[in-house]
Amino acid sequence: MEVQRGYDDNQEDQSRTGLFIEVAPELLERIQEAAAQRNLSLEEYVSRVLERSVSSKADIEEAEGRQQWKPIDRAAVERLFQYHEELKRAHPGVVFEDSTELLRQAREERTKELEQR
């Protein structure tokens, strides 16, 4: 597939630019059929498909926010415990420290560094 961008100086609507995409003849036929079934021009149909397919920045930020606070179910907790047991078996005698205290200390050190600046 080859994509070319163009701009037509004679275009009445100066808020839009041209986008030329070469597609296989079979795909073009399917696109034309889909547009015709919806009583849309080829340009309008393709524009609508692209608009639905490409997320806006706000949509992406919202989705990332939802992913960040996804609740954990019991199955995920069980997998975590299983993984913990596998680690203990794979590394006998190794003590894994609680990272909570290490993180707290690192935050305190970073805060002091920032306060000194």
C-alpha atoms as a PDB file:
ATOM      1  CA  MET A   1       0.000   0.000   0.000  1.00  0.00           C
ATOM      2  CA  GLU A   2       1.340   3.386  -0.898  1.00  0.00           C
ATOM      3  CA  VAL A   3       0.197   6.590   0.769  1.00  0.00           C
ATOM      4  CA  GLN A   4       0.572  10.011  -0.769  1.00  0.00           C
ATOM      5  CA  ARG A   5      -0.495  13.327   0.682  1.00  0.00           C
ATOM      6  CA  GLY A   6      -1.466  16.211  -1.445  1.00  0.00           C
ATOM      7  CA  TYR A   7      -2.951  19.655  -1.138  1.00  0.00           C
ATOM      8  CA  ASP A   8      -5.166  21.214  -3.749  1.00  0.00           C
ATOM      9  CA  ASP A   9      -4.831  25.011  -3.933  1.00  0.00           C
ATOM     10  CA  ASN A  10      -8.174  25.139  -5.738  1.00  0.00           C
ATOM     11  CA  GLN A  11      -9.955  23.318  -2.960  1.00  0.00           C
ATOM     12  CA  GLU A  12     -12.941  25.251  -1.595  1.00  0.00           C
ATOM     13  CA  ASP A  13     -12.636  23.813   1.926  1.00  0.00           C
ATOM     14  CA  GLN A  14      -9.105  24.798   2.956  1.00  0.00           C
ATOM     15  CA  SER A  15      -9.439  22.961   6.296  1.00  0.00           C
ATOM     16  CA  ARG A  16      -8.928  19.606   4.572  1.00  0.00           C
ATOM     17  CA  THR A  17      -6.035  18.069   2.721  1.00  0.00           C
ATOM     18  CA  GLY A  18      -5.931  15.205   0.271  1.00  0.00           C
ATOM     19  CA  LEU A  19      -4.866  11.696   1.166  1.00  0.00           C
ATOM     20  CA  PHE A  20      -4.261   9.285  -1.691  1.00  0.00           C
ATOM     21  CA  ILE A  21      -3.992   5.599  -0.839  1.00  0.00           C
ATOM     22  CA  GLU A  22      -3.315   2.838  -3.330  1.00  0.00           C
ATOM     23  CA  VAL A  23      -5.128  -0.350  -2.370  1.00  0.00           C
ATOM     24  CA  ALA A  24      -5.618  -3.709  -4.003  1.00  0.00           C
ATOM     25  CA  PRO A  25      -8.503  -3.775  -6.511  1.00  0.00           C
ATOM     26  CA  GLU A  26     -10.381  -6.350  -4.420  1.00  0.00           C
ATOM     27  CA  LEU A  27     -10.240  -4.126  -1.360  1.00  0.00           C
ATOM     28  CA  LEU A  28     -11.372  -1.099  -3.342  1.00  0.00           C
ATOM     29  CA  GLU A  29     -14.381  -3.074  -4.593  1.00  0.00           C
ATOM     30  CA  ARG A  30     -15.329  -4.056  -1.041  1.00  0.00           C
ATOM     31  CA  ILE A  31     -14.979  -0.447   0.137  1.00  0.00           C
ATOM     32  CA  GLN A  32     -17.111   0.799  -2.756  1.00  0.00           C
ATOM     33  CA  GLU A  33     -19.787  -1.834  -2.032  1.00  0.00           C
ATOM     34  CA  ALA A  34     -19.871  -0.909   1.662  1.00  0.00           C
ATOM     35  CA  ALA A  35     -20.193   2.792   0.813  1.00  0.00           C
ATOM     36  CA  ALA A  36     -22.972   2.116  -1.667  1.00  0.00           C
ATOM     37  CA  GLN A  37     -24.890  -0.018   0.844  1.00  0.00           C
ATOM     38  CA  ARG A  38     -24.876   2.959   3.203  1.00  0.00           C
ATOM     39  CA  ASN A  39     -25.704   5.496   0.478  1.00  0.00           C
ATOM     40  CA  LEU A  40     -22.425   7.317   1.119  1.00  0.00           C
ATOM     41  CA  SER A  41     -19.770   8.614  -1.215  1.00  0.00           C
ATOM     42  CA  LEU A  42     -16.499   6.727  -1.148  1.00  0.00           C
ATOM     43  CA  GLU A  43     -14.792   9.718   0.491  1.00  0.00           C
ATOM     44  CA  GLU A  44     -17.468  10.061   3.185  1.00  0.00           C
ATOM     45  CA  TYR A  45     -17.464   6.340   3.944  1.00  0.00           C
ATOM     46  CA  VAL A  46     -13.677   6.116   4.252  1.00  0.00           C
ATOM     47  CA  SER A  47     -13.599   9.275   6.397  1.00  0.00           C
ATOM     48  CA  ARG A  48     -16.167   7.779   8.788  1.00  0.00           C
ATOM     49  CA  VAL A  49     -14.281   4.488   9.014  1.00  0.00           C
ATOM     50  CA  LEU A  50     -11.023   6.288   9.764  1.00  0.00           C
ATOM     51  CA  GLU A  51     -12.674   8.577  12.316  1.00  0.00           C
ATOM     52  CA  ARG A  52     -14.026   5.568  14.218  1.00  0.00           C
ATOM     53  CA  SER A  53     -10.736   3.682  13.937  1.00  0.00           C
ATOM     54  CA  VAL A  54      -8.361   6.368  15.162  1.00  0.00           C
ATOM     55  CA  SER A  55      -8.736   7.343  18.792  1.00  0.00           C
ATOM     56  CA  SER A  56      -8.469  10.934  19.863  1.00  0.00           C
ATOM     57  CA  LYS A  57      -5.943  11.970  22.508  1.00  0.00           C
ATOM     58  CA  ALA A  58      -8.762  12.346  25.046  1.00  0.00           C
ATOM     59  CA  ASP A  59      -9.987   8.800  24.318  1.00  0.00           C
ATOM     60  CA  ILE A  60      -6.483   7.400  24.818  1.00  0.00           C
ATOM     61  CA  GLU A  61      -5.994   9.281  28.109  1.00  0.00           C
ATOM     62  CA  GLU A  62      -9.394   8.109  29.348  1.00  0.00           C
ATOM     63  CA  ALA A  63      -8.594   4.481  28.450  1.00  0.00           C
ATOM     64  CA  GLU A  64      -5.234   4.681  30.205  1.00  0.00           C
ATOM     65  CA  GLY A  65      -6.947   6.066  33.300  1.00  0.00           C
ATOM     66  CA  ARG A  66      -9.429   3.185  33.323  1.00  0.00           C
ATOM     67  CA  GLN A  67      -6.638   0.629  32.959  1.00  0.00           C
ATOM     68  CA  GLN A  68      -4.724   2.166  35.835  1.00  0.00           C
ATOM     69  CA  TRP A  69      -7.507   1.529  38.386  1.00  0.00           C
ATOM     70  CA  LYS A  70      -8.743  -1.850  37.218  1.00  0.00           C
ATOM     71  CA  PRO A  71      -9.836  -3.924  40.233  1.00  0.00           C
ATOM     72  CA  ILE A  72      -8.084  -7.226  40.916  1.00  0.00           C
ATOM     73  CA  ASP A  73     -10.172 -10.371  40.957  1.00  0.00           C
ATOM     74  CA  ARG A  74      -9.557 -13.493  43.014  1.00  0.00           C
ATOM     75  CA  ALA A  75      -8.021 -15.353  40.059  1.00  0.00           C
ATOM     76  CA  ALA A  76      -5.345 -12.663  39.675  1.00  0.00           C
ATOM     77  CA  VAL A  77      -4.499 -12.911  43.373  1.00  0.00           C
ATOM     78  CA  GLU A  78      -4.219 -16.705  43.074  1.00  0.00           C
ATOM     79  CA  ARG A  79      -1.854 -16.335  40.088  1.00  0.00           C
ATOM     80  CA  LEU A  80       0.262 -13.931  42.116  1.00  0.00           C
ATOM     81  CA  PHE A  81       0.516 -16.392  45.012  1.00  0.00           C
ATOM     82  CA  GLN A  82       1.419 -19.203  42.587  1.00  0.00           C
ATOM     83  CA  TYR A  83       4.128 -17.065  41.024  1.00  0.00           C
ATOM     84  CA  HIS A  84       5.471 -16.223  44.489  1.00  0.00           C
ATOM     85  CA  GLU A  85       5.685 -19.922  45.346  1.00  0.00           C
ATOM     86  CA  GLU A  86       7.461 -20.674  42.048  1.00  0.00           C
ATOM     87  CA  LEU A  87      10.029 -17.970  42.808  1.00  0.00           C
ATOM     88  CA  LYS A  88      10.667 -19.391  46.274  1.00  0.00           C
ATOM     89  CA  ARG A  89      11.175 -22.901  44.811  1.00  0.00           C
ATOM     90  CA  ALA A  90      13.439 -21.604  42.015  1.00  0.00           C
ATOM     91  CA  HIS A  91      15.626 -19.622  44.457  1.00  0.00           C
ATOM     92  CA  PRO A  92      15.863 -21.608  47.694  1.00  0.00           C
ATOM     93  CA  GLY A  93      17.502 -19.777  50.564  1.00  0.00           C
ATOM     94  CA  VAL A  94      17.154 -16.355  48.940  1.00  0.00           C
ATOM     95  CA  VAL A  95      15.293 -13.823  51.036  1.00  0.00           C
ATOM     96  CA  PHE A  96      13.334 -11.297  49.032  1.00  0.00           C
ATOM     97  CA  GLU A  97      13.048  -8.075  50.995  1.00  0.00           C
ATOM     98  CA  ASP A  98       9.826  -6.150  51.345  1.00  0.00           C
ATOM     99  CA  SER A  99      10.112  -3.357  48.810  1.00  0.00           C
ATOM    100  CA  THR A 100       7.743  -1.063  50.710  1.00  0.00           C
ATOM    101  CA  GLU A 101      10.461   0.173  53.038  1.00  0.00           C
ATOM    102  CA  LEU A 102      12.960   0.537  50.202  1.00  0.00           C
ATOM    103  CA  LEU A 103      10.498   2.635  48.209  1.00  0.00           C
ATOM    104  CA  ARG A 104       9.710   4.818  51.227  1.00  0.00           C
ATOM    105  CA  GLN A 105      13.412   5.469  51.803  1.00  0.00           C
ATOM    106  CA  ALA A 106      13.999   6.270  48.143  1.00  0.00           C
ATOM    107  CA  ARG A 107      11.102   8.755  48.190  1.00  0.00           C
ATOM    108  CA  GLU A 108      12.477  10.438  51.298  1.00  0.00           C
ATOM    109  CA  GLU A 109      15.929  10.754  49.706  1.00  0.00           C
ATOM    110  CA  ARG A 110      14.439  12.166  46.523  1.00  0.00           C
ATOM    111  CA  THR A 111      12.342  14.662  48.488  1.00  0.00           C
ATOM    112  CA  LYS A 112      15.433  15.870  50.368  1.00  0.00           C
ATOM    113  CA  GLU A 113      17.325  16.265  47.077  1.00  0.00           C
ATOM    114  CA  LEU A 114      14.485  18.306  45.589  1.00  0.00           C
ATOM    115  CA  GLU A 115      14.212  20.478  48.708  1.00  0.00           C
ATOM    116  CA  GLN A 116      17.955  21.265  48.552  1.00  0.00           C
ATOM    117  CA  ARG A 117      17.641  22.539  44.986  1.00  0.00           C
END
